[in-house]
Every structure is written in C-alpha cells, then in structure tokens.
Protein backbone atom coordinates (compact mmCIF):
# COMPACT_ATOMS: atom_id res chain seq x y z
CA MET A 1 6.63 10.08 10.24
CA ASN A 2 9.80 8.84 11.86
CA ARG A 3 12.19 5.94 11.25
CA GLN A 4 10.59 3.83 13.99
CA GLN A 5 7.13 4.35 12.42
CA ILE A 6 8.42 3.38 8.98
CA GLN A 7 10.07 0.28 10.43
CA SER A 8 6.76 -0.82 11.98
CA TRP A 9 5.07 -0.35 8.59
CA LEU A 10 7.74 -2.45 6.89
CA ILE A 11 7.19 -5.23 9.43
CA ARG A 12 3.47 -5.15 8.63
CA ILE A 13 4.08 -5.20 4.87
CA VAL A 14 6.52 -8.10 5.06
CA GLY A 15 4.01 -9.92 7.27
CA HIS A 16 1.23 -9.36 4.73
CA GLU A 17 3.34 -10.44 1.81
CA GLY A 18 4.90 -13.59 3.24
CA GLY A 19 8.06 -15.45 2.29
CA TYR A 20 9.29 -17.06 -0.87
CA SER A 21 6.87 -18.48 -3.42
CA GLU A 22 7.66 -19.93 -6.83
CA ASP A 23 4.10 -19.90 -8.09
CA ASP A 24 2.68 -16.41 -7.75
CA LEU A 25 0.17 -16.36 -10.60
CA ILE A 26 0.99 -12.86 -11.78
CA GLY A 27 4.49 -12.06 -10.58
CA GLY A 28 6.31 -15.38 -10.87
CA ALA A 29 8.80 -16.02 -8.09
CA THR A 30 7.97 -13.68 -5.20
CA LYS A 31 9.49 -13.02 -1.80
CA TRP A 32 8.09 -10.52 0.72
CA GLY A 33 5.99 -9.09 -2.09
CA ILE A 34 8.93 -8.39 -4.38
CA SER A 35 8.30 -10.24 -7.62
CA HIS A 36 10.46 -11.45 -10.46
CA LYS A 37 8.06 -9.76 -12.89
CA ALA A 38 8.62 -6.35 -11.29
CA TYR A 39 12.36 -6.89 -10.67
CA PRO A 40 13.59 -9.32 -13.36
CA ASN A 41 17.27 -8.65 -12.59
CA LEU A 42 17.01 -9.61 -8.91
CA ASP A 43 17.66 -13.05 -7.51
CA ILE A 44 14.33 -13.24 -5.71
CA ALA A 45 15.17 -16.43 -3.81
CA SER A 46 18.23 -14.74 -2.24
CA LEU A 47 16.47 -11.47 -1.41
CA THR A 48 16.98 -10.45 2.22
CA VAL A 49 14.44 -8.61 4.34
CA GLU A 50 16.79 -5.62 4.26
CA ASP A 51 16.84 -5.72 0.44
CA ALA A 52 13.03 -5.80 0.39
CA GLU A 53 12.86 -2.89 2.82
CA ASP A 54 15.23 -0.84 0.64
CA ILE A 55 13.04 -1.52 -2.40
CA TYR A 56 9.88 -0.63 -0.50
CA LEU A 57 11.36 2.65 0.72
CA ARG A 58 12.82 3.65 -2.65
CA ASP A 59 10.12 2.49 -5.03
CA TYR A 60 6.92 2.72 -3.01
CA LEU A 61 7.07 4.97 0.06
CA THR A 62 9.19 7.78 -1.40
CA PRO A 63 7.13 8.23 -4.61
CA LEU A 64 3.98 8.53 -2.49
CA HIS A 65 5.40 11.61 -0.72
CA ALA A 66 4.24 9.92 2.47
CA GLU A 67 5.62 12.76 4.56
CA LEU A 68 2.67 14.88 3.37
CA PHE A 69 0.12 12.61 5.06
CA ASP A 70 -0.86 11.69 8.58
CA ASP A 71 0.66 8.35 9.58
CA GLY A 72 -2.59 6.40 9.28
CA VAL A 73 -3.18 7.60 5.72
CA ALA A 74 0.49 7.20 4.79
CA TYR A 75 0.52 3.56 5.90
CA GLN A 76 -2.66 2.68 4.02
CA LEU A 77 -1.31 4.36 0.87
CA PHE A 78 1.98 2.52 1.29
CA ASP A 79 0.27 -0.85 1.64
CA PHE A 80 -1.99 -0.07 -1.34
CA ALA A 81 1.06 0.94 -3.42
CA VAL A 82 2.82 -2.33 -2.65
CA ASN A 83 -0.09 -4.21 -4.23
CA SER A 84 -1.08 -1.84 -7.02
CA GLY A 85 1.66 0.75 -7.50
CA PRO A 86 2.05 4.27 -6.10
CA ILE A 87 0.15 6.01 -8.90
CA THR A 88 -2.88 3.76 -8.51
CA ALA A 89 -2.84 4.25 -4.73
CA ILE A 90 -2.81 8.05 -5.11
CA LYS A 91 -5.50 7.96 -7.81
CA GLN A 92 -7.77 5.91 -5.57
CA LEU A 93 -7.18 8.30 -2.66
CA GLN A 94 -8.08 11.16 -4.98
CA GLU A 95 -11.26 9.33 -6.03
CA ALA A 96 -12.13 8.78 -2.37
CA VAL A 97 -12.03 12.53 -1.65
CA GLY A 98 -13.61 13.68 -4.91
CA CYS A 99 -10.51 14.94 -6.71
CA SER A 100 -9.59 14.45 -10.32
CA PRO A 101 -7.50 11.25 -10.26
CA ASP A 102 -4.19 12.19 -11.86
CA GLY A 103 -1.93 10.19 -9.51
CA LYS A 104 -0.02 13.28 -8.38
CA VAL A 105 -0.24 14.82 -4.95
CA GLY A 106 -0.80 18.50 -5.60
CA PRO A 107 -2.59 21.46 -4.01
CA ALA A 108 -6.10 20.27 -4.98
CA THR A 109 -5.51 16.85 -3.43
CA LEU A 110 -4.00 18.31 -0.26
CA ALA A 111 -6.89 20.77 0.06
CA ALA A 112 -9.45 17.97 -0.28
CA LEU A 113 -7.58 15.89 2.29
CA ALA A 114 -7.55 18.80 4.74
CA THR A 115 -11.36 18.75 4.90
CA ARG A 116 -11.43 15.24 6.41
CA SER A 117 -10.17 13.68 9.61
CA GLU A 118 -7.35 11.16 9.46
CA ALA A 119 -9.73 8.37 10.55
CA ASP A 120 -12.24 9.29 7.83
CA LEU A 121 -9.51 9.35 5.18
CA VAL A 122 -8.26 5.93 6.23
CA MET A 123 -11.77 4.44 6.08
CA LEU A 124 -12.48 6.09 2.71
CA LEU A 125 -9.19 4.83 1.30
CA ILE A 126 -9.78 1.26 2.49
CA ALA A 127 -13.30 1.34 1.01
CA GLU A 128 -11.95 2.67 -2.29
CA ARG A 129 -9.27 -0.01 -2.28
CA LEU A 130 -11.81 -2.77 -1.75
CA ASP A 131 -13.91 -1.43 -4.64
CA TYR A 132 -10.80 -1.27 -6.81
CA MET A 133 -9.72 -4.82 -5.94
CA ALA A 134 -13.22 -6.19 -6.54
CA SER A 135 -13.05 -4.76 -10.08
CA LEU A 136 -9.88 -6.69 -10.94
CA LYS A 137 -10.10 -9.84 -13.04
CA ASN A 138 -8.08 -11.81 -10.46
CA TRP A 139 -10.51 -10.95 -7.64
CA PRO A 140 -12.06 -14.47 -7.62
CA GLU A 141 -8.70 -16.14 -6.92
CA ASN A 142 -7.35 -13.53 -4.52
CA SER A 143 -10.41 -12.11 -2.75
CA ARG A 144 -10.08 -14.19 0.42
CA GLY A 145 -6.48 -13.10 1.02
CA TRP A 146 -7.17 -9.50 0.07
CA VAL A 147 -10.20 -9.26 2.37
CA ARG A 148 -8.15 -10.68 5.23
CA ARG A 149 -5.45 -8.10 4.51
CA MET A 150 -8.05 -5.31 4.58
CA ALA A 151 -9.40 -6.65 7.89
CA LYS A 152 -5.86 -6.45 9.31
CA ASN A 153 -5.52 -2.94 7.89
CA LEU A 154 -8.74 -1.88 9.59
CA ARG A 155 -7.28 -3.14 12.87
CA PHE A 156 -4.02 -1.27 12.16
CA ALA A 157 -6.10 1.84 11.44
CA THR A 158 -7.43 1.84 14.99
CA LEU A 159 -3.84 2.01 16.23
CA ASP A 160 -2.59 4.47 13.63
CA THR A 161 -5.35 7.05 14.06
CA GLU A 162 -5.41 7.23 17.86
CA GLU A 163 -5.11 10.71 19.23
C-alpha cells in the first residue's frame, strides 16, 4: 500500500459520499461522508477535501491496520469503515472468514485470511457487507444507493485484485 494507492482510494470514497448535504437523515449536515453527528465540532459546510482526507486517514484507514491486508481487501474494509465504522468492518470480515468477531486484527484473523485468495476475500467481504446493510433498519430508504455503491465496489475489485 503506497501513497498513490491511498490517494486513489480517497478519490473513490469522496466520489461515493458526494458533496454537501443539509438533510442526511442520520448524520445531519454531511460533506464527503463526514457528518455533523460524528464530528459535532467541525464546520461541515467549510470542510475541504483535504480535511476530509485527513479524517479518513486518521480515523478510518489507520485503525483498520490496512497495511496488513492486500490492497483489494484494504480498500473494501476502508469503504466499509467509512459507512459503518472500523470495528464493524473488521467484525464483518472476521464473520466472512469464520473467525470470532471481536473487531481486532490478531493472529487468528490473519491466519484465516491467509487461507483465501485476495479476490475471494474481497467477494466474501462485499457479500457480508450487503447482508449487514440489509439487516439495518434504514435499509428501505438507503438500499438503492448502497446497492449502487456495492456495484461500483465490485467493479473496483476487478481492478484491485489483478495480478
């Protein structure tokens, strides 16, 4: 995982999340996926792309320990974490590979991951994420957008897992 790779992921995330919105049903004012609910001390309307990228790196990508994963898996975890938090993303990855879901990347999780190809892990994680999203109470209002995002992520997966 290099700086150029991370930058391409950030461009994807910002593209998924969109610009400024006053009426996000859950998060209140939101810009590039950064919400007032999650960051009540930020002036969301004035948030720059660079500010959003700093938040994504600090609060989402770093806690995932993305450096431990192949790029395809790391991106999917990162995107999942942006929507649901890093702990949930890791727990769902652990569920996908049959580990006890504690939200921490440890030896058991890494051993389970090592038994699968990168492409298989990406597909399993996307499937787990869809199941997780479908279980949420706000699925009816958000399902169309979420399914479109997963379709884009499947397309990204074909690029990210090329040999």
